[in-house]
Amino acid sequence: MAFRGKEFTVHPIQVGSRIFSEIDGGTILVYTGKTRESTEALKDQVQASRSGGDMETIGNLERMKDVAEKMLHSALSGDLDGFYSLVNAAWEIKKRLGSRVTSERVERIIGTALSSGARAARLMGGGRDGFVLVLCRPGDVDRIQSRLMSESEFVFRVSLDPPQGTRILR
């Protein structure tokens, strides 16, 4: 996706079969136990960045954009280690955007995932609650999913099979 002012363009990307298989076989979603409108967290970020506002917030948003571009390059070039590292880097930047982005529970789930061998983990969406995305090697998914069951009753594998669409697996 490319942004220019208020306009955006979607550009589908084609990644190699190796990187697609790795991500497809190692994607887990962990429910934090609550859903929450991300409106408040996002409102804080928008207000801080308006009219040349908070330079720290603007700098973090620019860093997130740079990281997203590097993630795209890593995915297209097949650099999985770089891709995973950038997912984690983007989460660290996202947390600096406001106090409503993360929670103790989210950080505990992410910590359990990473200490269990996941390559990357971050909260999806605007912040605070919802689902944590966990990326791991396909050979590690059973062990990591089992460990994450101590943090949530709802730990799902996700398949990104394009002809079928996204599927939730138990």
Protein backbone atom coordinates (compact mmCIF):
# COMPACT_ATOMS: atom_id res chain seq x y z
CA MET A 1 0.00 0.00 0.00
CA ALA A 2 1.34 3.42 -0.91
CA PHE A 3 0.12 6.69 0.62
CA ARG A 4 0.14 10.15 -0.93
CA GLY A 5 -1.65 12.71 1.19
CA LYS A 6 -5.19 11.44 1.71
CA GLU A 7 -4.96 9.01 -1.22
CA PHE A 8 -3.64 5.46 -1.14
CA THR A 9 -2.94 2.70 -3.65
CA VAL A 10 -2.90 -1.01 -2.95
CA HIS A 11 -0.08 -2.95 -4.60
CA PRO A 12 -0.39 -6.74 -4.20
CA ILE A 13 2.98 -8.35 -3.55
CA GLN A 14 4.23 -11.73 -4.64
CA VAL A 15 6.62 -13.36 -2.19
CA GLY A 16 8.54 -16.53 -2.93
CA SER A 17 7.05 -19.88 -2.01
CA ARG A 18 9.67 -20.48 0.72
CA ILE A 19 8.82 -17.33 2.67
CA PHE A 20 5.08 -17.83 2.11
CA SER A 21 5.27 -21.44 3.37
CA GLU A 22 7.25 -20.40 6.43
CA ILE A 23 4.82 -17.64 7.40
CA ASP A 24 1.77 -19.75 6.50
CA GLY A 25 2.99 -22.67 8.60
CA GLY A 26 4.06 -20.63 11.60
CA THR A 27 1.36 -18.02 12.24
CA ILE A 28 -0.51 -18.04 15.55
CA LEU A 29 -3.09 -15.61 16.95
CA VAL A 30 -3.51 -15.29 20.72
CA TYR A 31 -6.62 -13.61 22.15
CA THR A 32 -5.81 -11.25 25.01
CA GLY A 33 -9.15 -11.88 26.68
CA LYS A 34 -10.69 -8.53 25.75
CA THR A 35 -11.57 -6.56 22.70
CA ARG A 36 -11.40 -2.85 22.77
CA GLU A 37 -12.11 -0.03 20.41
CA SER A 38 -8.74 1.28 19.36
CA THR A 39 -10.29 4.69 18.73
CA GLU A 40 -8.92 6.23 21.94
CA ALA A 41 -5.37 4.98 21.37
CA LEU A 42 -5.43 6.12 17.75
CA LYS A 43 -7.03 9.46 18.65
CA ASP A 44 -4.08 10.20 20.95
CA GLN A 45 -1.66 9.45 18.11
CA VAL A 46 -3.52 11.59 15.57
CA GLN A 47 -3.78 14.54 17.95
CA ALA A 48 -0.08 14.32 18.79
CA SER A 49 0.91 14.32 15.11
CA ARG A 50 -1.41 17.07 13.81
CA SER A 51 -0.16 20.47 12.67
CA GLY A 52 3.48 19.73 13.33
CA GLY A 53 2.62 18.73 16.88
CA ASP A 54 4.65 16.37 19.01
CA MET A 55 7.91 15.82 17.11
CA GLU A 56 8.58 12.57 18.98
CA THR A 57 5.27 11.09 17.75
CA ILE A 58 5.91 12.31 14.21
CA GLY A 59 9.41 10.80 14.31
CA ASN A 60 8.03 7.47 15.53
CA LEU A 61 5.42 7.42 12.76
CA GLU A 62 8.15 8.12 10.20
CA ARG A 63 10.27 5.30 11.70
CA MET A 64 7.28 2.94 11.44
CA LYS A 65 6.92 3.82 7.76
CA ASP A 66 10.64 3.17 7.18
CA VAL A 67 10.39 -0.18 8.99
CA ALA A 68 7.35 -1.15 6.90
CA GLU A 69 9.29 -0.43 3.70
CA LYS A 70 12.21 -2.53 4.97
CA MET A 71 9.78 -5.34 5.87
CA LEU A 72 8.49 -5.33 2.31
CA HIS A 73 12.04 -5.52 0.95
CA SER A 74 12.88 -8.37 3.37
CA ALA A 75 9.76 -10.31 2.35
CA LEU A 76 10.42 -9.84 -1.36
CA SER A 77 14.09 -10.81 -1.05
CA GLY A 78 13.32 -13.87 1.12
CA ASP A 79 15.15 -12.52 4.18
CA LEU A 80 13.03 -14.15 6.88
CA ASP A 81 15.35 -13.29 9.76
CA GLY A 82 15.29 -9.65 8.70
CA PHE A 83 11.52 -9.74 8.30
CA TYR A 84 10.96 -11.19 11.79
CA SER A 85 13.39 -8.71 13.33
CA LEU A 86 11.55 -5.82 11.68
CA VAL A 87 8.15 -7.04 12.97
CA ASN A 88 9.60 -6.84 16.49
CA ALA A 89 11.17 -3.44 15.78
CA ALA A 90 7.85 -2.08 14.50
CA TRP A 91 6.15 -3.22 17.72
CA GLU A 92 8.75 -1.45 19.85
CA ILE A 93 8.18 1.77 17.88
CA LYS A 94 4.38 1.36 18.06
CA LYS A 95 4.54 1.15 21.87
CA ARG A 96 6.20 4.58 21.96
CA LEU A 97 3.14 6.15 20.30
CA GLY A 98 1.14 6.31 23.50
CA SER A 99 0.31 4.85 26.87
CA ARG A 100 -2.78 3.07 25.55
CA VAL A 101 -0.97 0.91 22.99
CA THR A 102 0.00 -2.04 25.16
CA SER A 103 -0.83 -3.62 28.50
CA GLU A 104 0.77 -5.90 31.05
CA ARG A 105 -1.19 -8.86 29.65
CA VAL A 106 -0.14 -8.14 26.06
CA GLU A 107 3.51 -7.86 27.11
CA ARG A 108 3.25 -11.14 29.07
CA ILE A 109 1.82 -12.96 26.02
CA ILE A 110 4.53 -11.51 23.77
CA GLY A 111 7.23 -12.38 26.33
CA THR A 112 5.98 -15.97 26.59
CA ALA A 113 5.90 -16.30 22.81
CA LEU A 114 9.44 -14.97 22.32
CA SER A 115 10.93 -16.91 25.24
CA SER A 116 9.32 -20.06 23.81
CA GLY A 117 11.11 -19.61 20.50
CA ALA A 118 8.79 -17.43 18.42
CA ARG A 119 10.67 -15.29 15.93
CA ALA A 120 8.33 -12.28 16.21
CA ALA A 121 5.25 -11.15 18.15
CA ARG A 122 3.16 -8.00 18.28
CA LEU A 123 -0.34 -6.83 19.09
CA MET A 124 -2.57 -6.39 16.06
CA GLY A 125 -4.55 -3.20 15.55
CA GLY A 126 -4.53 0.13 17.32
CA GLY A 127 -3.71 -0.98 20.80
CA ARG A 128 -4.26 -2.38 24.26
CA ASP A 129 -6.29 -5.56 23.63
CA GLY A 130 -7.45 -7.93 20.93
CA PHE A 131 -5.12 -10.41 19.26
CA VAL A 132 -1.38 -10.90 19.45
CA LEU A 133 0.23 -12.07 16.21
CA VAL A 134 2.96 -14.66 16.80
CA LEU A 135 5.31 -15.74 14.01
CA CYS A 136 7.45 -18.84 14.43
CA ARG A 137 9.16 -21.54 12.42
CA PRO A 138 6.65 -24.21 11.32
CA GLY A 139 8.60 -26.89 13.22
CA ASP A 140 8.19 -24.92 16.46
CA VAL A 141 4.49 -24.08 16.17
CA ASP A 142 3.15 -27.01 18.28
CA ARG A 143 5.49 -26.29 21.20
CA ILE A 144 4.90 -22.53 21.11
CA GLN A 145 1.13 -22.91 20.77
CA SER A 146 1.13 -25.27 23.75
CA ARG A 147 3.12 -22.79 25.87
CA LEU A 148 0.79 -19.94 24.90
CA MET A 149 -2.22 -21.90 26.12
CA SER A 150 -1.07 -20.98 29.63
CA GLU A 151 -1.71 -17.32 28.71
CA SER A 152 -5.03 -17.61 26.86
CA GLU A 153 -7.83 -20.08 26.23
CA PHE A 154 -7.93 -18.96 22.61
CA VAL A 155 -4.69 -19.69 20.78
CA PHE A 156 -5.24 -20.33 17.08
CA ARG A 157 -3.09 -21.24 14.13
CA VAL A 158 -3.87 -19.26 11.02
CA SER A 159 -3.41 -20.45 7.45
CA LEU A 160 -3.00 -17.86 4.72
CA ASP A 161 -3.93 -20.25 1.89
CA PRO A 162 -4.74 -17.79 -0.95
CA PRO A 163 -7.17 -19.93 -2.99
CA GLN A 164 -9.22 -20.66 0.15
CA GLY A 165 -8.73 -17.35 1.94
CA THR A 166 -7.51 -17.08 5.52
CA ARG A 167 -8.49 -20.05 7.69
CA ILE A 168 -8.41 -20.40 11.46
CA LEU A 169 -7.04 -23.74 12.64
CA ARG A 170 -7.18 -25.10 16.18
